[in-house]
């Protein structure tokens, strides 16, 4: 049995997340996903995730391509997670290309292309802008001149 491991925050789940998880699963028999803890996400991005770590792990666990989910507490523990889950291959998005090559002594490392035109950061900006537009139009409509 070939085990694939990958990691991510998976906040505001979108088609890019689905694509990479489905493609990762094609490289093995079992897909294990480490979901960044709330604290780890804050340390990486200086913001809290939209959904809590428990909600995000539940969402990822519900996907048919995912076999196991755990909470990733620290970037420094990736090697230990790889060993603990007996991973044969680590798969990450190509925005991380080269960053995890240090784990090639533990398992194969592969970087898959990201889905073009989508990112959680961009989605959050668009949602905020949409909300601000609604608020602004409501204020304008509530105060006719």
N, C-alpha and C. Protein backbone atom coordinates (compact mmCIF):
# COMPACT_ATOMS: atom_id res chain seq x y z
N UNK A 1 0.85 -1.19 0.00
CA UNK A 1 0.00 0.00 0.00
C UNK A 1 0.89 1.25 0.00
N UNK A 2 0.63 2.14 -0.92
CA UNK A 2 1.41 3.37 -1.06
C UNK A 2 0.64 4.52 -0.39
N UNK A 3 1.29 5.16 0.57
CA UNK A 3 0.67 6.24 1.34
C UNK A 3 1.20 7.59 0.87
N UNK A 4 0.26 8.49 0.59
CA UNK A 4 0.55 9.87 0.20
C UNK A 4 0.20 10.75 1.38
N UNK A 5 1.05 11.76 1.65
CA UNK A 5 0.76 12.74 2.69
C UNK A 5 0.85 14.13 2.08
N UNK A 6 -0.02 15.00 2.53
CA UNK A 6 0.03 16.40 2.12
C UNK A 6 -0.42 17.25 3.30
N UNK A 7 -0.18 18.54 3.19
CA UNK A 7 -0.48 19.47 4.28
C UNK A 7 -1.11 20.73 3.71
N UNK A 8 -1.92 21.39 4.52
CA UNK A 8 -2.48 22.67 4.12
C UNK A 8 -3.38 23.24 5.18
N UNK A 9 -3.76 24.48 4.99
CA UNK A 9 -4.70 25.13 5.90
C UNK A 9 -6.13 24.76 5.52
N UNK A 10 -6.41 24.75 4.22
CA UNK A 10 -7.73 24.39 3.70
C UNK A 10 -8.83 25.26 4.29
N UNK A 11 -8.54 26.55 4.41
CA UNK A 11 -9.52 27.51 4.88
C UNK A 11 -10.31 27.99 3.66
N UNK A 12 -11.59 28.13 3.79
CA UNK A 12 -12.48 28.51 2.69
C UNK A 12 -12.22 27.55 1.52
N UNK A 13 -12.66 26.32 1.70
CA UNK A 13 -12.42 25.26 0.72
C UNK A 13 -12.87 25.70 -0.68
N UNK A 14 -12.01 25.45 -1.67
CA UNK A 14 -12.32 25.83 -3.05
C UNK A 14 -11.81 24.76 -4.02
N UNK A 15 -12.09 24.95 -5.30
CA UNK A 15 -11.77 23.95 -6.32
C UNK A 15 -10.27 23.66 -6.38
N UNK A 16 -9.43 24.60 -6.08
CA UNK A 16 -7.99 24.35 -6.06
C UNK A 16 -7.62 23.30 -5.02
N UNK A 17 -8.27 23.38 -3.85
CA UNK A 17 -8.03 22.38 -2.81
C UNK A 17 -8.49 21.00 -3.28
N UNK A 18 -9.68 20.96 -3.83
CA UNK A 18 -10.23 19.68 -4.31
C UNK A 18 -9.32 19.09 -5.38
N UNK A 19 -8.90 19.91 -6.32
CA UNK A 19 -8.03 19.43 -7.41
C UNK A 19 -6.73 18.82 -6.88
N UNK A 20 -6.06 19.50 -5.98
CA UNK A 20 -4.77 18.99 -5.51
C UNK A 20 -4.95 17.73 -4.68
N UNK A 21 -6.02 17.67 -3.88
CA UNK A 21 -6.26 16.46 -3.08
C UNK A 21 -6.60 15.27 -3.97
N UNK A 22 -7.42 15.48 -4.98
CA UNK A 22 -7.76 14.38 -5.89
C UNK A 22 -6.53 13.92 -6.68
N UNK A 23 -5.72 14.87 -7.14
CA UNK A 23 -4.51 14.49 -7.87
C UNK A 23 -3.50 13.81 -6.96
N UNK A 24 -3.41 14.25 -5.71
CA UNK A 24 -2.50 13.61 -4.75
C UNK A 24 -2.91 12.16 -4.54
N UNK A 25 -4.20 11.92 -4.39
CA UNK A 25 -4.70 10.56 -4.16
C UNK A 25 -4.34 9.64 -5.32
N UNK A 26 -4.24 10.16 -6.53
CA UNK A 26 -3.90 9.35 -7.70
C UNK A 26 -2.47 8.78 -7.62
N UNK A 27 -1.66 9.33 -6.72
CA UNK A 27 -0.28 8.87 -6.57
C UNK A 27 -0.12 7.77 -5.53
N UNK A 28 -1.21 7.32 -4.95
CA UNK A 28 -1.12 6.27 -3.94
C UNK A 28 -2.46 5.62 -3.67
N UNK A 29 -2.44 4.75 -2.66
CA UNK A 29 -3.65 4.02 -2.26
C UNK A 29 -4.35 4.70 -1.09
N UNK A 30 -3.60 5.48 -0.34
CA UNK A 30 -4.10 6.08 0.90
C UNK A 30 -3.63 7.52 0.94
N UNK A 31 -4.55 8.46 1.19
CA UNK A 31 -4.20 9.88 1.30
C UNK A 31 -4.40 10.36 2.73
N UNK A 32 -3.31 10.83 3.32
CA UNK A 32 -3.31 11.38 4.67
C UNK A 32 -3.09 12.89 4.56
N UNK A 33 -3.93 13.67 5.24
CA UNK A 33 -3.87 15.12 5.13
C UNK A 33 -3.64 15.74 6.50
N UNK A 34 -2.59 16.56 6.59
CA UNK A 34 -2.33 17.35 7.78
C UNK A 34 -2.94 18.73 7.59
N UNK A 35 -3.87 19.09 8.46
CA UNK A 35 -4.53 20.39 8.41
C UNK A 35 -3.87 21.29 9.45
N UNK A 36 -3.40 22.45 9.00
CA UNK A 36 -2.72 23.39 9.91
C UNK A 36 -3.62 23.77 11.08
N UNK A 37 -3.04 23.73 12.28
CA UNK A 37 -3.79 24.16 13.46
C UNK A 37 -4.08 25.66 13.35
N UNK A 38 -5.00 26.14 14.15
CA UNK A 38 -5.31 27.57 14.16
C UNK A 38 -4.06 28.38 14.52
N UNK A 39 -3.31 27.91 15.52
CA UNK A 39 -2.11 28.62 15.95
C UNK A 39 -1.04 28.62 14.85
N UNK A 40 -0.86 27.50 14.17
CA UNK A 40 0.12 27.43 13.09
C UNK A 40 -0.29 28.37 11.96
N UNK A 41 -1.57 28.37 11.62
CA UNK A 41 -2.05 29.27 10.57
C UNK A 41 -1.77 30.73 10.94
N UNK A 42 -2.04 31.09 12.19
CA UNK A 42 -1.79 32.47 12.62
C UNK A 42 -0.31 32.80 12.52
N UNK A 43 0.56 31.87 12.90
CA UNK A 43 2.00 32.13 12.84
C UNK A 43 2.49 32.28 11.40
N UNK A 44 1.85 31.59 10.44
CA UNK A 44 2.25 31.67 9.03
C UNK A 44 1.67 32.89 8.33
N UNK A 45 0.42 33.23 8.66
CA UNK A 45 -0.31 34.23 7.86
C UNK A 45 -0.71 35.48 8.64
N UNK A 46 -0.39 35.52 9.92
CA UNK A 46 -0.75 36.65 10.79
C UNK A 46 -2.24 36.94 10.79
N UNK A 47 -3.04 35.91 10.61
CA UNK A 47 -4.49 36.04 10.72
C UNK A 47 -5.06 34.69 11.13
N UNK A 48 -6.19 34.75 11.80
CA UNK A 48 -6.87 33.51 12.14
C UNK A 48 -7.59 32.98 10.92
N UNK A 49 -7.72 31.67 10.81
CA UNK A 49 -8.50 31.12 9.70
C UNK A 49 -9.97 31.48 9.87
N UNK A 50 -10.70 31.45 8.76
CA UNK A 50 -12.14 31.72 8.79
C UNK A 50 -12.84 30.62 9.59
N UNK A 51 -12.48 29.36 9.32
CA UNK A 51 -13.06 28.22 10.02
C UNK A 51 -12.05 27.66 11.01
N UNK A 52 -12.55 27.14 12.11
CA UNK A 52 -11.66 26.58 13.13
C UNK A 52 -10.99 25.30 12.62
N UNK A 53 -9.94 24.89 13.30
CA UNK A 53 -9.23 23.66 12.91
C UNK A 53 -10.16 22.44 12.97
N UNK A 54 -11.07 22.41 13.93
CA UNK A 54 -11.99 21.27 14.01
C UNK A 54 -12.97 21.27 12.84
N UNK A 55 -13.44 22.44 12.45
CA UNK A 55 -14.34 22.52 11.30
C UNK A 55 -13.58 22.14 10.02
N UNK A 56 -12.36 22.64 9.87
CA UNK A 56 -11.57 22.36 8.67
C UNK A 56 -11.20 20.88 8.58
N UNK A 57 -10.85 20.25 9.70
CA UNK A 57 -10.54 18.82 9.65
C UNK A 57 -11.79 18.01 9.31
N UNK A 58 -12.94 18.42 9.81
CA UNK A 58 -14.19 17.73 9.49
C UNK A 58 -14.53 17.85 8.01
N UNK A 59 -14.33 19.03 7.45
CA UNK A 59 -14.61 19.25 6.03
C UNK A 59 -13.69 18.37 5.18
N UNK A 60 -12.40 18.37 5.48
CA UNK A 60 -11.43 17.58 4.69
C UNK A 60 -11.71 16.08 4.86
N UNK A 61 -12.03 15.66 6.08
CA UNK A 61 -12.31 14.24 6.32
C UNK A 61 -13.54 13.77 5.55
N UNK A 62 -14.45 14.66 5.24
CA UNK A 62 -15.68 14.29 4.52
C UNK A 62 -15.44 14.04 3.03
N UNK A 63 -14.29 14.42 2.51
CA UNK A 63 -14.00 14.24 1.09
C UNK A 63 -13.69 12.77 0.80
N UNK A 64 -14.25 12.24 -0.26
CA UNK A 64 -14.08 10.81 -0.57
C UNK A 64 -12.64 10.43 -0.91
N UNK A 65 -11.84 11.38 -1.36
CA UNK A 65 -10.45 11.06 -1.72
C UNK A 65 -9.52 11.01 -0.51
N UNK A 66 -9.98 11.48 0.64
CA UNK A 66 -9.16 11.57 1.85
C UNK A 66 -9.43 10.37 2.76
N UNK A 67 -8.35 9.73 3.19
CA UNK A 67 -8.48 8.55 4.05
C UNK A 67 -8.24 8.84 5.53
N UNK A 68 -7.42 9.83 5.81
CA UNK A 68 -7.09 10.15 7.20
C UNK A 68 -6.72 11.62 7.30
N UNK A 69 -7.10 12.25 8.41
CA UNK A 69 -6.81 13.66 8.64
C UNK A 69 -6.25 13.81 10.05
N UNK A 70 -5.27 14.71 10.19
CA UNK A 70 -4.76 15.05 11.52
C UNK A 70 -4.45 16.53 11.55
N UNK A 71 -4.28 17.08 12.74
CA UNK A 71 -3.96 18.49 12.89
C UNK A 71 -2.44 18.65 12.93
N UNK A 72 -1.93 19.48 12.02
CA UNK A 72 -0.50 19.80 11.96
C UNK A 72 -0.24 20.95 12.93
N UNK A 73 0.54 20.66 13.96
CA UNK A 73 0.82 21.66 15.00
C UNK A 73 2.01 22.55 14.68
N UNK A 74 2.97 22.04 13.88
CA UNK A 74 4.22 22.78 13.65
C UNK A 74 4.84 22.38 12.32
N UNK A 75 5.36 23.37 11.60
CA UNK A 75 6.07 23.09 10.34
C UNK A 75 7.31 22.25 10.60
N UNK A 76 7.92 22.44 11.76
CA UNK A 76 9.15 21.72 12.10
C UNK A 76 8.92 20.23 12.34
N UNK A 77 7.68 19.82 12.47
CA UNK A 77 7.37 18.41 12.74
C UNK A 77 7.01 17.62 11.48
N UNK A 78 7.13 18.23 10.30
CA UNK A 78 6.74 17.54 9.06
C UNK A 78 7.44 16.19 8.91
N UNK A 79 8.72 16.14 9.20
CA UNK A 79 9.46 14.87 9.10
C UNK A 79 8.88 13.81 10.02
N UNK A 80 8.52 14.22 11.22
CA UNK A 80 7.92 13.28 12.17
C UNK A 80 6.54 12.81 11.69
N UNK A 81 5.78 13.73 11.11
CA UNK A 81 4.46 13.34 10.57
C UNK A 81 4.63 12.35 9.43
N UNK A 82 5.60 12.59 8.57
CA UNK A 82 5.87 11.69 7.44
C UNK A 82 6.18 10.28 7.97
N UNK A 83 7.04 10.21 8.98
CA UNK A 83 7.42 8.92 9.54
C UNK A 83 6.26 8.26 10.29
N UNK A 84 5.55 9.03 11.09
CA UNK A 84 4.44 8.50 11.88
C UNK A 84 3.37 7.87 10.98
N UNK A 85 3.10 8.51 9.85
CA UNK A 85 2.04 8.02 8.96
C UNK A 85 2.58 7.10 7.86
N UNK A 86 3.89 6.78 7.97
CA UNK A 86 4.54 5.86 7.03
C UNK A 86 4.30 6.26 5.58
N UNK A 87 4.49 7.56 5.32
CA UNK A 87 4.25 8.11 3.98
C UNK A 87 5.34 7.68 3.01
N UNK A 88 4.92 7.28 1.83
CA UNK A 88 5.84 6.94 0.74
C UNK A 88 6.14 8.16 -0.12
N UNK A 89 5.21 9.12 -0.12
CA UNK A 89 5.36 10.30 -0.95
C UNK A 89 4.70 11.51 -0.27
N UNK A 90 5.41 12.63 -0.28
CA UNK A 90 4.90 13.91 0.19
C UNK A 90 4.54 14.71 -1.06
N UNK A 91 3.31 15.19 -1.11
CA UNK A 91 2.87 16.01 -2.24
C UNK A 91 2.43 17.37 -1.72
N UNK A 92 2.96 18.41 -2.38
CA UNK A 92 2.61 19.79 -2.05
C UNK A 92 2.37 20.55 -3.34
N UNK A 93 1.72 21.70 -3.23
CA UNK A 93 1.54 22.57 -4.39
C UNK A 93 2.86 23.14 -4.84
N UNK A 94 2.96 23.46 -6.12
CA UNK A 94 4.24 23.94 -6.66
C UNK A 94 4.62 25.33 -6.17
N UNK A 95 3.74 26.02 -5.45
CA UNK A 95 4.14 27.28 -4.82
C UNK A 95 5.14 27.02 -3.69
N UNK A 96 5.27 25.76 -3.29
CA UNK A 96 6.24 25.35 -2.26
C UNK A 96 7.47 24.67 -2.88
N UNK A 97 7.60 24.69 -4.19
CA UNK A 97 8.66 23.95 -4.89
C UNK A 97 10.03 24.16 -4.23
N UNK A 98 10.69 23.03 -3.93
CA UNK A 98 12.01 23.03 -3.33
C UNK A 98 12.03 23.13 -1.83
N UNK A 99 10.98 23.68 -1.24
CA UNK A 99 10.97 23.93 0.20
C UNK A 99 11.01 22.66 1.04
N UNK A 100 10.48 21.56 0.50
CA UNK A 100 10.42 20.32 1.28
C UNK A 100 11.34 19.24 0.74
N UNK A 101 12.29 19.62 -0.08
CA UNK A 101 13.26 18.65 -0.62
C UNK A 101 14.08 18.00 0.48
N UNK A 102 14.16 18.63 1.64
CA UNK A 102 14.91 18.05 2.76
C UNK A 102 14.32 16.71 3.21
N UNK A 103 13.07 16.44 2.84
CA UNK A 103 12.43 15.20 3.24
C UNK A 103 12.62 14.07 2.24
N UNK A 104 13.40 14.32 1.20
CA UNK A 104 13.63 13.28 0.18
C UNK A 104 14.35 12.06 0.74
N UNK A 105 15.00 12.20 1.88
CA UNK A 105 15.62 11.03 2.51
C UNK A 105 14.59 10.17 3.24
N UNK A 106 13.41 10.74 3.50
CA UNK A 106 12.34 10.00 4.18
C UNK A 106 11.32 9.41 3.20
N UNK A 107 11.09 10.12 2.10
CA UNK A 107 10.08 9.69 1.13
C UNK A 107 10.28 10.46 -0.17
N UNK A 108 9.56 10.06 -1.18
CA UNK A 108 9.56 10.81 -2.43
C UNK A 108 8.85 12.15 -2.17
N UNK A 109 9.30 13.21 -2.85
CA UNK A 109 8.69 14.53 -2.71
C UNK A 109 8.27 15.00 -4.10
N UNK A 110 7.02 15.40 -4.23
CA UNK A 110 6.49 15.83 -5.51
C UNK A 110 5.68 17.11 -5.32
N UNK A 111 5.90 18.07 -6.23
CA UNK A 111 5.16 19.33 -6.21
C UNK A 111 4.22 19.36 -7.40
N UNK A 112 2.93 19.50 -7.14
CA UNK A 112 1.93 19.52 -8.20
C UNK A 112 1.54 20.96 -8.52
N UNK A 113 1.23 21.24 -9.79
CA UNK A 113 0.80 22.59 -10.17
C UNK A 113 -0.49 22.99 -9.45
N UNK A 114 -0.53 24.24 -9.07
CA UNK A 114 -1.75 24.78 -8.45
C UNK A 114 -2.79 25.03 -9.54
N UNK A 115 -4.04 25.10 -9.12
CA UNK A 115 -5.11 25.46 -10.04
C UNK A 115 -5.00 26.96 -10.32
N UNK A 116 -4.91 27.29 -11.59
CA UNK A 116 -4.76 28.69 -12.00
C UNK A 116 -5.97 29.53 -11.60
N UNK A 117 -5.71 30.75 -11.16
CA UNK A 117 -6.77 31.72 -10.96
C UNK A 117 -7.55 31.61 -9.66
N UNK A 118 -7.08 30.78 -8.72
CA UNK A 118 -7.82 30.66 -7.46
C UNK A 118 -6.86 30.55 -6.29
N UNK A 119 -7.17 31.28 -5.23
CA UNK A 119 -6.42 31.15 -3.98
C UNK A 119 -7.33 31.59 -2.84
N UNK A 120 -7.08 31.05 -1.68
CA UNK A 120 -7.89 31.41 -0.51
C UNK A 120 -7.74 32.89 -0.20
N UNK A 121 -6.52 33.40 -0.27
CA UNK A 121 -6.28 34.81 0.02
C UNK A 121 -7.10 35.69 -0.91
N UNK A 122 -7.11 35.37 -2.19
CA UNK A 122 -7.89 36.15 -3.16
C UNK A 122 -9.39 36.03 -2.90
N UNK A 123 -9.85 34.82 -2.58
CA UNK A 123 -11.28 34.63 -2.28
C UNK A 123 -11.70 35.47 -1.08
N UNK A 124 -10.88 35.48 -0.04
CA UNK A 124 -11.22 36.25 1.16
C UNK A 124 -11.30 37.74 0.82
N UNK A 125 -10.36 38.23 0.01
CA UNK A 125 -10.41 39.65 -0.41
C UNK A 125 -11.69 39.94 -1.18
N UNK A 126 -12.05 39.04 -2.10
CA UNK A 126 -13.26 39.24 -2.90
C UNK A 126 -14.52 39.20 -2.04
N UNK A 127 -14.56 38.31 -1.07
CA UNK A 127 -15.72 38.22 -0.18
C UNK A 127 -15.84 39.48 0.67
N UNK A 128 -14.70 39.96 1.18
CA UNK A 128 -14.72 41.21 1.97
C UNK A 128 -15.20 42.37 1.12
N UNK A 129 -14.68 42.48 -0.10
CA UNK A 129 -15.08 43.57 -0.99
C UNK A 129 -16.58 43.48 -1.31
N UNK A 130 -17.07 42.27 -1.55
CA UNK A 130 -18.49 42.05 -1.83
C UNK A 130 -19.33 42.51 -0.64
N UNK A 131 -18.91 42.13 0.56
CA UNK A 131 -19.63 42.53 1.77
C UNK A 131 -19.62 44.04 1.96
N UNK A 132 -18.48 44.67 1.70
CA UNK A 132 -18.40 46.12 1.83
C UNK A 132 -19.30 46.81 0.81
N UNK A 133 -19.37 46.26 -0.41
CA UNK A 133 -20.26 46.84 -1.43
C UNK A 133 -21.72 46.74 -1.01
N UNK A 134 -22.10 45.61 -0.43
CA UNK A 134 -23.47 45.44 0.03
C UNK A 134 -23.78 46.45 1.14
N UNK A 135 -22.86 46.57 2.08
CA UNK A 135 -23.06 47.52 3.19
C UNK A 135 -23.15 48.93 2.65
N UNK A 136 -22.23 49.29 1.75
CA UNK A 136 -22.24 50.65 1.19
C UNK A 136 -23.52 50.92 0.40
N UNK A 137 -23.98 49.96 -0.39
CA UNK A 137 -25.21 50.17 -1.17
C UNK A 137 -26.42 50.23 -0.25
N UNK A 138 -26.40 49.50 0.86
CA UNK A 138 -27.50 49.55 1.82
C UNK A 138 -27.55 50.91 2.49
N UNK A 139 -26.39 51.46 2.81
CA UNK A 139 -26.32 52.78 3.45
C UNK A 139 -26.83 53.82 2.47
N UNK A 140 -26.41 53.73 1.23
CA UNK A 140 -26.85 54.70 0.21
C UNK A 140 -28.36 54.60 0.01
N UNK A 141 -28.88 53.37 -0.08
CA UNK A 141 -30.31 53.18 -0.29
C UNK A 141 -31.14 53.58 0.94
N UNK A 142 -30.55 53.44 2.11
CA UNK A 142 -31.27 53.81 3.34
C UNK A 142 -31.31 55.31 3.56
N UNK A 143 -30.40 56.04 2.92
CA UNK A 143 -30.31 57.48 3.07
C UNK A 143 -30.48 58.18 1.71
N UNK A 144 -31.67 58.10 1.12
CA UNK A 144 -31.82 58.74 -0.18
C UNK A 144 -31.65 60.24 -0.08
N UNK A 145 -31.07 60.80 -1.11
CA UNK A 145 -30.81 62.24 -1.12
C UNK A 145 -31.95 62.98 -1.77
